[in-house]
Protein backbone atom coordinates (compact mmCIF):
# COMPACT_ATOMS: atom_id res chain seq x y z
CA MET A 1 84.16 51.69 81.86
CA ALA A 2 84.64 48.65 84.34
CA ASP A 3 83.14 51.25 87.31
CA LEU A 4 80.48 52.24 84.95
CA GLU A 5 79.42 48.20 84.55
CA ARG A 6 79.65 47.58 88.06
CA GLU A 7 77.45 50.63 88.97
CA VAL A 8 75.15 49.68 86.41
CA GLU A 9 74.89 46.03 87.58
CA ALA A 10 74.14 47.14 90.88
CA LEU A 11 71.28 49.34 90.10
CA PRO A 12 68.20 47.13 90.41
CA GLY A 13 68.99 45.72 93.98
CA LEU A 14 70.04 49.02 94.91
CA ALA A 15 67.15 50.79 93.56
CA ALA A 16 64.70 48.49 95.43
CA GLU A 17 66.32 49.50 98.85
CA LEU A 18 66.17 53.47 98.18
CA THR A 19 62.31 53.06 96.97
CA CYS A 20 59.86 55.02 99.19
CA ALA A 21 57.18 52.83 100.41
CA ILE A 22 54.38 55.45 100.01
CA CYS A 23 54.86 56.13 96.36
CA LEU A 24 56.90 53.45 95.36
CA GLU A 25 59.47 55.47 93.44
CA LEU A 26 63.15 56.50 94.17
CA LEU A 27 63.31 58.65 97.16
CA GLN A 28 63.14 62.34 96.85
CA GLU A 29 64.91 64.42 99.92
CA PRO A 30 64.73 61.40 101.89
CA VAL A 31 63.87 61.55 105.66
CA THR A 32 64.20 58.63 108.24
CA ALA A 33 61.43 58.03 110.97
CA PRO A 34 62.28 57.34 114.69
CA CYS A 35 61.53 53.54 113.72
CA GLY A 36 64.47 53.75 110.97
CA HIS A 37 62.43 53.55 108.13
CA ASN A 38 63.24 55.89 105.33
CA PHE A 39 60.43 57.79 102.87
CA CYS A 40 60.05 60.84 100.64
CA ARG A 41 59.89 64.07 102.42
CA ASP A 42 56.85 65.35 100.88
CA CYS A 43 55.24 61.50 100.80
CA LEU A 44 55.31 61.25 104.74
CA SER A 45 54.25 65.32 105.26
CA LEU A 46 51.14 64.11 103.26
CA TYR A 47 50.76 61.11 105.16
CA TRP A 48 50.67 62.51 108.45
CA ALA A 49 48.50 65.79 107.22
CA ASP A 50 45.89 66.65 109.77
CA ASP A 51 43.24 65.23 107.96
CA ARG A 52 44.48 61.64 108.18
CA VAL A 53 45.66 61.77 111.64
CA GLY A 54 43.35 60.44 114.51
CA LEU A 55 43.32 60.78 117.97
CA SER A 56 45.93 57.87 118.04
CA GLY A 57 48.94 60.03 117.01
CA PHE A 58 51.19 59.43 114.38
CA SER A 59 52.46 56.34 112.56
CA CYS A 60 54.86 54.78 110.51
CA PRO A 61 53.72 53.90 106.99
CA GLN A 62 55.67 50.80 107.01
CA CYS A 63 55.54 49.19 110.28
CA ARG A 64 52.69 50.87 111.72
CA CYS A 65 54.86 52.03 115.03
CA HIS A 66 53.08 54.78 116.88
CA TRP A 67 53.99 58.07 118.52
CA ALA A 68 51.90 60.39 120.47
CA GLN A 69 53.66 63.66 118.81
CA ARG A 70 54.68 64.08 115.13
CA PRO A 71 58.35 63.33 115.32
CA GLU A 72 61.04 66.00 114.02
CA LEU A 73 62.02 64.94 110.35
CA ARG A 74 65.73 65.62 109.29
CA PRO A 75 66.95 64.91 106.10
CA ASN A 76 69.11 62.23 105.72
CA ARG A 77 72.31 63.25 104.14
CA VAL A 78 73.70 59.80 103.50
CA LEU A 79 70.70 58.67 101.49
CA CYS A 80 70.77 61.86 99.76
CA THR A 81 74.13 61.15 98.50
CA VAL A 82 73.51 57.64 97.82
CA VAL A 83 70.43 58.53 95.51
CA ALA A 84 72.27 61.13 93.90
CA GLY A 85 75.05 58.37 92.84
CA LEU A 86 72.25 56.01 91.82
CA GLU A 87 70.74 58.83 89.42
CA ARG A 88 73.95 59.64 88.02
CA ALA A 89 75.16 56.11 87.45
CA ARG A 90 71.85 55.86 85.44
CA CYS A 91 72.39 59.04 83.53
CA ASN A 92 75.98 57.67 82.77
CA ALA A 93 74.85 54.21 81.71
CA GLU A 94 72.04 56.00 79.20
CA THR A 95 74.40 58.31 77.90
CA VAL A 96 76.81 55.62 76.98
CA GLY A 97 74.24 53.25 75.41
CA LYS A 98 72.87 56.23 73.54
CA ALA A 99 76.21 57.19 72.53
CA GLU A 100 76.98 53.53 71.18
CA VAL A 101 73.82 53.47 69.34
CA GLU A 102 74.40 56.81 67.64
CA SER A 103 78.04 55.87 66.95
CA GLY A 104 77.21 52.68 65.47
CA LEU A 105 79.01 50.82 68.00
CA THR A 106 76.48 48.16 68.71
CA VAL A 107 77.24 44.70 69.42
CA PRO A 108 75.42 42.04 67.69
CA CYS A 109 73.81 39.22 69.33
CA ASP A 110 75.88 36.01 69.04
CA ALA A 111 72.80 33.70 69.26
CA CYS A 112 70.90 35.53 66.76
CA PRO A 113 71.06 34.50 62.89
CA PRO A 114 74.17 36.68 61.65
CA ALA A 115 72.34 38.44 58.89
CA ALA A 116 69.69 39.58 61.20
CA ALA A 117 71.47 39.99 64.51
CA ALA A 118 69.71 42.09 67.05
CA ALA A 119 71.85 44.30 69.06
CA ALA A 120 73.05 42.87 72.63
CA LEU A 121 72.20 44.02 75.69
CA ARG A 122 74.56 42.06 77.75
CA THR A 123 77.84 40.14 77.35
CA CYS A 124 78.09 36.75 79.64
CA LEU A 125 81.89 36.35 80.52
CA THR A 126 81.13 32.82 81.41
CA CYS A 127 79.61 31.67 78.08
CA LEU A 128 81.63 34.61 76.15
CA ALA A 129 78.75 35.64 73.90
CA SER A 130 76.52 38.29 73.88
CA PHE A 131 72.78 38.43 73.83
CA CYS A 132 70.24 40.49 72.85
CA ALA A 133 67.03 40.74 75.27
CA GLU A 134 65.46 37.70 73.88
CA HIS A 135 67.98 35.31 74.06
CA LEU A 136 69.31 37.03 77.45
CA GLU A 137 66.13 35.60 79.21
CA PRO A 138 67.80 32.14 80.01
CA HIS A 139 70.43 33.73 81.89
CA GLN A 140 67.67 35.92 83.89
CA GLN A 141 65.11 32.87 84.36
CA SER A 142 67.52 29.70 84.76
CA PRO A 143 68.85 29.32 88.38
CA ALA A 144 71.83 27.74 86.92
CA LEU A 145 72.86 30.42 84.42
CA ARG A 146 72.17 33.04 87.07
CA SER A 147 75.76 33.10 88.60
CA HIS A 148 77.43 33.93 85.28
CA SER A 149 79.09 37.02 85.26
CA LEU A 150 77.22 39.95 82.91
CA ARG A 151 78.67 42.89 81.29
CA LEU A 152 77.20 45.75 79.32
CA PRO A 153 78.10 44.46 75.88
CA LEU A 154 81.67 44.04 74.93
CA PRO A 155 82.98 44.86 71.38
CA ASP A 156 86.34 43.24 72.05
CA LEU A 157 85.25 39.95 73.80
CA ALA A 158 87.04 38.49 70.75
CA GLN A 159 90.10 39.91 72.02
CA ARG A 160 89.28 38.72 75.75
CA ARG A 161 89.53 35.22 74.75
CA CYS A 162 93.03 33.28 75.18
CA PRO A 163 94.18 32.28 71.65
CA SER A 164 95.47 29.29 72.87
CA HIS A 165 92.68 27.78 74.91
CA GLY A 166 89.81 29.87 73.80
CA LYS A 167 89.07 30.69 77.82
CA LEU A 168 88.43 34.34 79.02
CA LEU A 169 91.48 36.21 79.78
CA GLU A 170 90.86 36.69 83.53
CA PHE A 171 94.37 37.19 84.89
CA ARG A 172 97.55 39.08 84.41
CA CYS A 173 101.28 37.81 85.03
CA CYS A 174 103.30 40.62 87.08
CA GLN A 175 106.90 39.64 85.90
CA HIS A 176 105.88 38.75 82.14
CA GLY A 177 103.20 41.43 81.68
CA ASP A 178 100.74 38.62 79.89
CA CYS A 179 97.26 38.49 80.18
CA LEU A 180 96.28 34.64 81.15
CA CYS A 181 93.49 32.61 81.25
CA ALA A 182 92.73 29.72 83.74
CA VAL A 183 94.86 27.22 81.59
CA CYS A 184 97.87 29.44 81.14
CA LEU A 185 97.42 30.01 84.91
CA LEU A 186 99.33 26.67 85.25
CA ASP A 187 102.34 27.59 83.36
CA HIS A 188 102.97 30.65 85.44
CA ARG A 189 102.33 28.82 89.12
CA SER A 190 106.10 30.36 90.00
CA CYS A 191 105.11 34.11 88.79
CA SER A 192 102.98 36.42 90.76
CA THR A 193 99.59 36.71 89.11
CA VAL A 194 96.67 38.61 90.04
CA THR A 195 93.07 39.23 88.24
CA GLU A 196 93.05 41.36 85.08
CA GLU A 197 90.60 43.74 86.89
CA GLU A 198 93.18 44.09 89.96
CA ALA A 199 96.17 44.93 87.46
CA ARG A 200 94.10 47.33 85.32
CA GLU A 201 92.87 49.50 88.54
CA LYS A 202 96.63 49.18 89.73
CA ARG A 203 97.73 50.32 86.31
CA GLU A 204 95.27 52.96 86.27
CA GLU A 205 96.18 54.33 89.84
CA GLU A 206 99.74 54.47 88.27
CA LEU A 207 98.69 56.33 85.25
CA LYS A 208 96.75 58.93 87.33
CA VAL A 209 99.69 59.70 89.18
CA GLN A 210 101.75 60.04 86.11
CA GLN A 211 99.23 62.23 84.91
CA LYS A 212 99.45 64.63 87.81
CA THR A 213 103.05 64.38 87.62
CA VAL A 214 103.12 65.47 83.86
CA GLU A 215 100.43 68.05 84.73
CA TYR A 216 102.70 69.21 87.47
CA GLN A 217 105.95 69.16 85.26
CA LEU A 218 103.84 70.99 82.75
CA ILE A 219 103.13 73.68 85.35
CA GLN A 220 106.94 73.88 86.00
CA LEU A 221 108.10 73.66 82.36
CA GLN A 222 105.49 76.91 81.70
CA HIS A 223 106.95 78.61 84.88
CA SER A 224 110.55 77.67 83.48
CA LEU A 225 109.57 79.26 80.01
CA GLU A 226 108.24 82.45 81.68
CA LEU A 227 111.57 82.87 83.55
CA VAL A 228 113.67 82.19 80.65
CA GLN A 229 111.76 84.69 78.48
CA PHE A 230 112.12 87.08 81.42
CA GLN A 231 115.80 86.42 81.62
CA LYS A 232 116.03 86.83 77.68
CA GLU A 233 114.20 90.22 78.04
CA HIS A 234 116.28 91.05 81.19
CA VAL A 235 119.72 90.35 79.47
CA LYS A 236 118.76 92.24 76.57
CA ASP A 237 117.39 95.13 78.70
CA SER A 238 120.60 95.09 80.70
CA SER A 239 123.21 94.97 77.84
CA LEU A 240 121.48 98.08 76.33
CA THR A 241 121.64 100.07 79.67
CA GLN A 242 125.60 99.01 80.10
CA LYS A 243 126.06 99.61 76.42
CA SER A 244 124.75 103.13 76.72
CA ALA A 245 126.65 103.62 80.05
CA VAL A 246 129.75 102.57 78.46
CA ALA A 247 129.50 104.75 75.38
CA CYS A 248 128.55 107.66 78.04
CA GLU A 249 131.80 106.75 79.76
CA PHE A 250 133.88 106.98 76.74
CA ALA A 251 132.19 110.07 75.50
CA GLU A 252 133.20 111.52 78.93
CA ILE A 253 136.69 110.17 78.37
CA LYS A 254 136.92 111.76 75.03
CA ALA A 255 135.49 115.00 76.26
CA MET A 256 137.93 115.00 79.26
CA ILE A 257 140.87 114.41 77.02
CA GLU A 258 139.65 116.94 74.55
CA ARG A 259 139.39 119.69 77.10
CA GLU A 260 143.05 118.83 78.56
CA GLU A 261 144.17 119.42 75.08
CA LYS A 262 142.42 122.42 74.89
CA ILE A 263 143.86 123.77 78.18
CA ALA A 264 147.26 122.37 77.33
CA ALA A 265 146.98 124.38 74.13
CA SER A 266 145.65 127.74 75.98
CA LEU A 267 148.52 127.67 78.16
CA PHE A 268 150.87 127.55 75.42
CA GLU A 269 149.33 130.53 74.25
CA GLU A 270 149.13 132.14 76.88
CA GLU A 271 153.27 131.56 77.29
CA GLU A 272 153.57 132.80 73.86
CA ASN A 273 151.57 135.89 73.98
CA LYS A 274 153.39 136.87 77.22
CA ALA A 275 156.85 136.58 75.30
CA ASP A 276 155.19 138.53 72.23
CA SER A 277 154.01 141.27 74.31
CA ARG A 278 157.67 141.78 75.96
CA CYS A 279 158.92 142.01 72.36
CA VAL A 280 156.48 144.47 71.03
CA GLU A 281 157.21 146.75 74.34
CA LEU A 282 161.10 146.52 73.51
CA LEU A 283 160.36 147.33 69.82
CA ASP A 284 158.36 150.41 71.01
CA GLN A 285 160.95 151.23 73.26
CA MET A 286 163.58 150.91 70.72
CA SER A 287 161.84 152.67 68.09
CA ALA A 288 161.27 155.85 70.34
CA HIS A 289 165.03 155.84 71.16
CA LEU A 290 165.88 155.88 67.46
CA GLU A 291 163.60 158.62 66.77
CA ARG A 292 164.94 160.84 69.61
CA LEU A 293 168.33 160.11 68.27
CA LYS A 294 167.47 161.23 64.84
CA ASP A 295 166.25 164.81 66.13
CA TYR A 296 169.14 165.24 67.96
CA LYS A 297 171.39 164.59 65.31
CA GLU A 298 169.69 167.20 63.37
CA GLN A 299 169.99 169.58 66.11
CA LEU A 300 173.54 168.92 66.34
CA LYS A 301 174.17 169.33 62.56
CA SER A 302 172.21 172.59 62.77
CA VAL A 303 174.50 174.00 65.78
CA LEU A 304 177.50 173.28 63.99
CA THR A 305 176.67 174.22 60.71
CA HIS A 306 174.63 177.80 61.62
CA THR A 307 175.97 178.92 64.99
CA GLY A 308 178.94 181.01 65.74
CA GLY A 309 180.28 183.40 68.73
CA ILE A 310 178.76 183.85 71.92
CA ALA A 311 174.90 182.14 70.60
CA PHE A 312 176.86 179.38 70.17
CA TRP A 313 177.10 178.51 73.92
CA LYS A 314 173.71 179.50 74.30
CA VAL A 315 172.31 177.07 71.87
CA VAL A 316 174.37 174.27 73.19
CA ALA A 317 172.94 175.02 76.40
CA ASP A 318 169.51 174.40 75.38
CA LEU A 319 170.03 171.32 73.46
CA PRO A 320 168.28 168.36 75.08
CA GLN A 321 169.81 165.67 77.16
CA VAL A 322 169.71 162.36 75.33
CA SER A 323 171.03 159.34 76.27
CA LEU A 324 174.10 158.00 74.28
CA ASP A 325 174.24 154.49 75.81
CA PRO A 326 174.17 151.54 73.61
CA PRO A 327 170.64 150.28 72.63
CA THR A 328 169.11 147.28 74.33
CA SER A 329 168.73 145.09 71.50
CA GLN A 330 171.06 142.50 73.21
CA GLN A 331 168.25 141.46 75.27
CA GLN A 332 166.61 138.35 74.67
CA VAL A 333 162.90 137.56 75.25
CA GLU A 334 162.04 134.06 75.67
CA VAL A 335 158.88 131.75 76.60
CA ASP A 336 158.73 130.40 79.92
CA ALA A 337 160.40 127.34 79.02
CA HIS A 338 160.38 125.44 82.38
CA LYS A 339 156.65 125.97 82.37
CA LEU A 340 156.18 124.37 78.90
CA VAL A 341 158.15 121.41 79.92
CA LEU A 342 155.90 121.23 83.03
CA ILE A 343 152.84 121.15 81.09
CA SER A 344 154.59 118.52 78.42
CA LYS A 345 155.47 116.13 81.37
CA ALA A 346 151.81 116.41 83.07
CA VAL A 347 150.63 115.49 79.38
CA SER A 348 152.99 112.61 78.91
CA THR A 349 151.87 111.32 82.95
CA LEU A 350 148.28 111.46 81.61
CA ARG A 351 148.97 109.31 78.55
CA GLY A 352 151.31 107.32 80.51
CA LYS A 353 148.89 106.13 83.25
CA LEU A 354 146.55 105.41 80.41
CA GLY A 355 148.70 103.72 78.31
CA GLN A 356 149.41 101.28 81.90
CA GLN A 357 145.64 100.82 82.02
CA LEU A 358 144.96 100.04 78.49
CA LYS A 359 148.01 97.77 78.64
CA PHE A 360 146.28 95.22 79.94
CA SER A 361 142.94 93.90 77.86
CA LEU A 362 139.36 94.65 78.90
CA ASP A 363 138.93 91.02 80.15
CA GLN A 364 141.90 91.20 82.37
CA ARG A 365 140.44 94.33 83.90
CA VAL A 366 137.26 92.99 84.40
CA GLN A 367 138.54 90.15 86.08
CA GLN A 368 140.38 92.20 88.44
CA LEU A 369 137.51 94.09 89.62
CA GLU A 370 135.67 90.92 90.41
CA GLN A 371 138.16 89.74 92.52
CA ILE A 372 138.20 93.12 94.55
CA GLU A 373 134.45 92.83 94.49
CA ARG A 374 134.55 89.68 96.14
CA ALA A 375 136.97 90.70 98.63
CA ASN A 376 134.96 93.58 99.57
CA SER A 377 131.76 91.05 99.91
CA LYS A 378 134.10 88.76 102.13
CA ARG A 379 134.69 91.98 104.54
CA GLN A 380 130.65 93.03 104.39
CA THR A 381 129.93 89.54 105.56
CA ALA A 382 132.33 89.47 108.49
CA ALA A 383 130.92 93.04 109.18
CA ALA A 384 127.48 91.48 109.17
CA ASP A 385 128.50 88.69 111.63
CA LEU A 386 129.98 91.02 113.89
CA THR A 387 126.64 92.98 114.11
CA LYS A 388 125.21 89.58 115.69
CA SER A 389 127.38 89.48 118.59
CA PRO A 390 126.05 90.21 122.34
CA GLU A 391 128.18 93.29 122.70
CA LYS A 392 126.55 94.68 119.40
CA SER A 393 123.36 93.64 120.33
CA LYS A 394 123.11 96.20 122.96
CA ASN A 395 123.01 98.90 120.76
CA LYS A 396 120.52 97.57 118.24
CA THR A 397 118.39 100.71 118.32
CA GLN A 398 121.42 103.19 117.91
CA ASP A 399 122.74 100.95 115.20
CA MET A 400 119.36 101.08 113.42
CA ARG A 401 119.03 104.71 113.33
CA GLN A 402 122.53 104.87 111.61
CA ILE A 403 121.70 102.13 108.95
CA LEU A 404 118.20 103.93 108.00
CA VAL A 405 117.08 106.77 106.96
CA SER A 406 113.23 107.57 107.51
CA ASN A 407 110.55 109.99 107.61
CA PRO A 408 107.25 108.59 108.71
CA LEU A 409 105.85 111.87 109.07
CA GLY A 410 106.13 112.78 105.60
CA ILE A 411 103.78 114.70 103.87
CA PRO A 412 101.02 112.50 101.60
CA GLY A 413 101.05 112.57 98.16
CA ARG A 414 104.58 113.95 98.14
CA PRO A 415 107.46 111.87 99.34
CA SER A 416 110.29 113.68 101.55
CA ASN A 417 114.14 113.82 101.71
CA PRO A 418 114.69 112.82 98.20
CA SER A 419 118.02 111.36 97.55
CA SER A 420 118.97 113.82 94.47
CA ALA A 421 116.92 116.35 92.71
CA SER A 422 116.10 113.91 89.84
CA ALA A 423 114.33 111.53 92.24
CA PRO A 424 110.86 110.84 91.55
CA GLN A 425 108.19 113.13 93.77
CA THR A 426 104.95 111.76 92.83
CA ARG A 427 103.07 108.50 91.79
CA GLN A 428 103.03 109.27 88.53
CA ASP A 429 106.72 109.77 88.61
CA TYR A 430 107.18 106.49 90.34
CA MET A 431 105.21 104.81 87.84
CA GLN A 432 107.47 105.52 85.10
CA TYR A 433 110.04 102.71 86.54
CA ASN A 434 107.07 100.30 87.12
CA SER A 435 108.63 96.84 86.95
CA LYS A 436 106.46 93.80 86.11
CA VAL A 437 106.87 91.22 88.99
CA THR A 438 105.72 88.02 89.44
CA PHE A 439 105.79 85.44 92.28
CA ASN A 440 108.38 82.47 91.58
CA GLN A 441 106.59 78.84 92.36
CA ARG A 442 110.36 77.01 92.76
CA SER A 443 111.00 79.44 95.72
CA ALA A 444 107.62 79.45 97.52
CA HIS A 445 107.19 77.37 100.50
CA LYS A 446 104.90 74.55 100.72
CA LYS A 447 102.11 76.40 102.52
CA LEU A 448 101.80 79.00 99.92
CA ILE A 449 99.53 79.03 96.88
CA LEU A 450 100.11 80.85 93.79
CA GLY A 451 97.24 81.72 91.71
CA ASP A 452 96.03 84.12 89.03
CA ARG A 453 99.18 83.51 86.79
CA TYR A 454 101.49 83.80 89.96
CA THR A 455 100.02 87.40 90.75
CA THR A 456 98.41 86.20 94.02
CA LEU A 457 99.67 84.70 97.11
CA THR A 458 97.59 83.30 99.94
CA VAL A 459 98.04 80.39 102.63
CA GLY A 460 96.49 76.97 102.41
CA GLU A 461 95.33 74.75 105.01
CA GLN A 462 97.57 72.04 103.81
CA LEU A 463 101.14 71.75 102.39
CA GLN A 464 101.03 71.80 98.58
CA PRO A 465 102.90 69.03 96.80
CA TYR A 466 105.84 71.33 95.72
CA PRO A 467 109.21 69.25 94.68
CA ASP A 468 112.10 70.12 97.20
CA LEU A 469 114.47 72.31 95.43
CA PRO A 470 117.73 74.13 96.25
CA GLU A 471 115.64 77.79 96.00
CA ARG A 472 112.59 76.89 97.76
CA PHE A 473 112.16 78.21 101.25
CA PHE A 474 111.66 75.48 104.12
CA ASN A 475 111.08 77.32 107.19
CA CYS A 476 109.62 80.29 106.75
CA SER A 477 106.41 80.77 104.49
CA GLN A 478 108.07 83.04 101.91
CA VAL A 479 108.50 83.60 98.15
CA LEU A 480 110.83 85.44 95.78
CA ALA A 481 109.68 86.90 92.78
CA LEU A 482 110.46 85.51 89.48
CA GLN A 483 112.45 88.77 88.39
CA TRP A 484 115.35 90.16 89.72
CA PHE A 485 117.33 93.33 89.41
CA THR A 486 120.96 94.20 89.08
CA ASN A 487 120.82 98.16 88.55
CA GLY A 488 118.77 101.37 87.49
CA ARG A 489 115.27 102.29 89.24
CA HIS A 490 112.58 99.66 89.69
CA TYR A 491 108.87 100.52 91.34
CA TRP A 492 105.93 97.78 92.01
CA GLU A 493 102.79 97.74 94.06
CA VAL A 494 101.54 95.14 96.28
CA GLY A 495 97.75 95.33 97.30
CA ILE A 496 96.88 93.64 100.72
CA GLN A 497 93.65 92.04 101.52
CA GLY A 498 92.63 90.70 104.98
CA SER A 499 92.02 91.87 108.34
CA SER A 500 93.47 94.49 110.19
CA SER A 501 95.55 91.87 112.29
CA SER A 502 97.31 90.28 109.84
CA PHE A 503 100.84 88.83 109.48
CA TRP A 504 102.97 89.72 106.23
CA ALA A 505 105.93 91.21 105.02
CA ILE A 506 106.95 92.77 101.82
CA GLY A 507 110.46 93.56 101.04
CA VAL A 508 113.64 92.75 98.84
CA ALA A 509 116.31 90.09 99.26
CA CYS A 510 119.74 89.35 97.97
CA ALA A 511 119.99 86.13 95.86
CA GLY A 512 122.22 84.81 98.63
CA MET A 513 120.05 84.64 101.31
CA ASP A 514 119.46 81.54 103.71
CA ARG A 515 116.51 79.28 102.68
CA SER A 516 116.25 77.47 105.92
CA GLY A 517 117.09 78.19 109.60
CA SER A 518 116.38 81.54 111.82
CA SER A 519 118.29 83.56 109.60
CA SER A 520 116.11 82.87 106.48
CA ARG A 521 113.20 85.40 107.56
CA LEU A 522 113.10 88.49 105.60
CA GLY A 523 114.91 91.40 107.55
CA ARG A 524 116.49 88.90 110.24
CA ASN A 525 119.78 89.35 107.91
CA ALA A 526 122.02 91.23 106.43
CA LEU A 527 120.66 90.51 103.00
CA SER A 528 117.42 91.56 103.32
CA TRP A 529 115.11 94.68 103.84
CA CYS A 530 111.21 94.49 104.72
CA ILE A 531 108.16 96.70 106.17
CA GLU A 532 106.45 93.51 108.41
CA SER A 533 102.86 93.70 109.59
CA PHE A 534 102.91 91.49 112.94
CA GLY A 535 99.15 91.76 114.19
CA ALA A 536 98.33 95.14 114.54
CA GLN A 537 101.83 96.44 114.61
CA LEU A 538 103.92 98.03 111.54
CA SER A 539 107.72 97.54 111.96
CA ILE A 540 110.78 97.47 109.68
CA TRP A 541 113.46 95.10 109.59
CA HIS A 542 117.25 94.84 108.51
CA ALA A 543 119.95 92.84 109.95
CA ASP A 544 118.03 91.27 112.63
CA GLN A 545 117.21 94.90 113.62
CA GLN A 546 113.77 96.04 114.36
CA ALA A 547 112.13 100.00 114.27
CA ILE A 548 108.54 100.30 115.12
CA LEU A 549 106.45 102.73 112.75
CA HIS A 550 103.57 104.45 114.35
CA VAL A 551 101.45 104.89 111.21
CA PRO A 552 98.25 103.39 110.20
CA LEU A 553 98.52 99.85 108.41
CA PRO A 554 98.76 100.25 104.35
CA ARG A 555 96.20 98.59 102.07
CA VAL A 556 98.45 98.80 99.21
CA VAL A 557 102.67 98.93 99.74
CA GLY A 558 104.85 100.85 96.85
CA VAL A 559 108.27 99.51 96.74
CA TYR A 560 110.91 101.42 95.22
CA LEU A 561 114.68 100.40 94.38
CA ASP A 562 117.16 103.01 93.09
CA PHE A 563 120.81 100.94 92.51
CA GLU A 564 122.72 104.61 92.03
CA ALA A 565 121.34 105.98 94.75
CA GLY A 566 121.57 103.15 96.99
CA GLU A 567 117.89 103.27 98.78
CA VAL A 568 115.13 100.99 99.30
CA ALA A 569 111.94 102.92 100.28
CA PHE A 570 108.17 101.68 100.95
CA PHE A 571 105.20 104.03 100.64
CA SER A 572 101.66 103.53 101.48
CA VAL A 573 99.44 104.21 98.40
CA GLY A 574 96.26 105.65 98.67
CA SER A 575 94.98 108.86 97.01
CA GLY A 576 98.65 109.87 97.58
CA MET A 577 101.81 108.52 98.60
CA PHE A 578 102.89 108.26 102.04
CA LEU A 579 106.46 107.63 103.01
CA LEU A 580 106.65 104.78 105.20
CA PHE A 581 110.52 104.12 105.51
CA ARG A 582 113.52 104.53 103.37
CA PHE A 583 116.67 102.24 103.85
CA LYS A 584 120.15 103.27 102.64
CA ALA A 585 121.97 100.40 101.51
CA ASN A 586 125.00 98.45 99.61
CA LEU A 587 122.82 97.15 96.62
CA ARG A 588 125.01 94.61 94.62
CA GLY A 589 124.32 91.93 92.89
CA GLN A 590 120.77 90.50 92.13
CA ILE A 591 118.09 92.07 94.05
CA PHE A 592 114.87 90.14 94.12
CA PRO A 593 111.29 91.40 95.44
CA ALA A 594 110.43 89.02 98.46
CA PHE A 595 107.45 88.48 100.49
CA TRP A 596 106.29 86.41 103.72
CA LEU A 597 102.65 85.85 104.29
CA SER A 598 101.42 83.90 107.72
CA SER A 599 97.96 84.81 107.87
CA SER A 600 95.13 82.51 106.07
CA SER A 601 92.82 85.09 105.82
CA THR A 602 95.21 87.40 104.15
CA LYS A 603 95.94 87.70 100.26
CA LEU A 604 98.78 89.88 98.72
CA THR A 605 98.31 91.01 94.86
CA LEU A 606 101.02 92.13 92.99
CA GLY A 607 100.46 94.74 90.23
CA HIS A 608 97.54 96.14 92.41
C-alpha cells in the first residue's frame, strides 16, 4: 500500500516530464531526437511529413534545432518502461479507489460536518486529518501547507496517533518493538530507532524471505510425502513378494520332504518285494518236491504189493530217481537289514540337519546371514579398490570384456542373448515390468532444474537455491530417482531432446555411491553402471572402465534391471528395441536409477 501511495503522489510531476510537446498527451512509443527531446513516434513522423518540410530541412518541434537530413528515429526503451510503469500505477490507483468505494471503505472528511461528511481524497499526516476535495484546497494553494505530507485516505488514522501524546507514530524502537511518536522518541534515546516506513520495509523483506522459505519447505514436504507414499507402496509390494517367495520355499521344502518319504517307502517296499519273491520261489520248489515224493511213494507201494519174480527187478529198474535228501525248509529268507538301516540313518541325518538349523530362531539365522553379507561386501569393496591400482589399470580393456556382456549388433526389435528362456523378448514384454520413476530433488545437483512433477531434467544458467543435504551431489551435475529397487524385474524409459552433440548419462547406482569427488561420477566407481553420450561419442562405463559403442545415438533409452539374472541392460527404443549393452552385475541392496546431464540445450524426460 505504501509503494502505491508513493507512486500516485509522484504521478503529477512525472506525467509532466513524460508529456509529448506536440500532442500534449502522455508519450506513446517515445522516440528521442538528436537534440535530446522526446516525442511520440507518430506525432514526430507527422510533423516531419513531406508536406510540412521546407527546403531548410528538418527541425525539432520544441527547440527548433535543424538537420539537413531526416534523423533516424529509434525507440527510447527506457522511456517506454517508465511510461508503462506510470500507466500501471495510475490503473492501480484507480482500481484501489474503485474497490474502496465499492466495498464501503471510504474515509470521511474530518473538516466536514459529521452528518454530511464527504469522502476524503487525501489524508494529511502533519495535520492528522483527512480532507475532501473542497477542504483539501488550502493544502494545495497555501505555500505554508504545501510541505505537509499527504497520503491517500487512511482509514486507520486513529491507530497511527500516539495514545499518550496525540502525535503521529513515525518511528519504531528496534529493541522494544514499539511504535513511537516524536515525543516518545526522547524516552528511547539509548535505543536503536528507525522510521516506521524503514522498519516496515525491512520487516516486509524479512517476511518475503520467510514466504520463499515456506514455499520451498512446502515443495520439500510435498516431495517427502511422495517419497513416503512410494516407500509405503514399495514396502507393501516387497513384503508381498517376499511372502510369496517364502511360501514357495516352504512349499518346495515340504515337497522335497514328501518326495524323500516316498523314496524311503519305495526302498523299503523294494526290499520287502525281494524277500517275498525269494519266499515264493522256495515255496514253489518245496511244493514240487512234495508232489514228486508222493508219486514215488505210490510207485513203491505198488511195486512192493503187486510185483514178484523176475518182473520185480525190471519194475525196480524203471523206478525214477528221486532225491531223498532232507527238504530245504531250514533256509531262512530275510530282507537286507543292513540296507534298511542305512536308509533309516540317511533319514535320521536329514532330520538332524534340519533340527540343527531349526534349533536357532529365524531372527538369529537372519542376523547370521546379514553378517555374512557384510563380510562379502567388504571383500567386494577391497576387490574394487584393487582394480584402481596402476597394475590393474593397464588391462582396463581386457577387464572390461570380462565384466560386460554386450551385443551392439543385436537384431532391432528383438534383444539378443537373453539370460534365460523366460527373459523378455519384445518391447511389449519389457513394458510388463514398467516401473514409475521420478527425479529426487534432495539428491539433485544445484545446476539441475526438475520440472513437470519431477519427470523432466534440464541444466539451469544459475545455481538453484537447494539446501545442502547429505544425499545431494556436489561435484557432478547428477540426480538419483526417488524410487529404488531391491528385487525383481524393472524397466523404464528416458526420452532425450537436444542436439546430436550432447552430454548426458543414464544408468543405475547403489545407495552407497559417493556424492562428491571424482568417484561420484556415474560409471567411475564399482557401484554404478551407465551409458554415456559425450558429444557425438556413445560409450558405457563401470568401475572407471570405458567401452565405446559404434552405434547411432539413441533418442529414447530403455533401462532393464533384473536382480535374479544379475543384469543391467540398455536399449535404443524406436520402432523396435535395439540392444546397446548388457552388464552382468552382482546387484545387492537398494539400486537407484541415476542420471547425469551437462548440456544446457538438452532435456531428459522420464516415462517417455
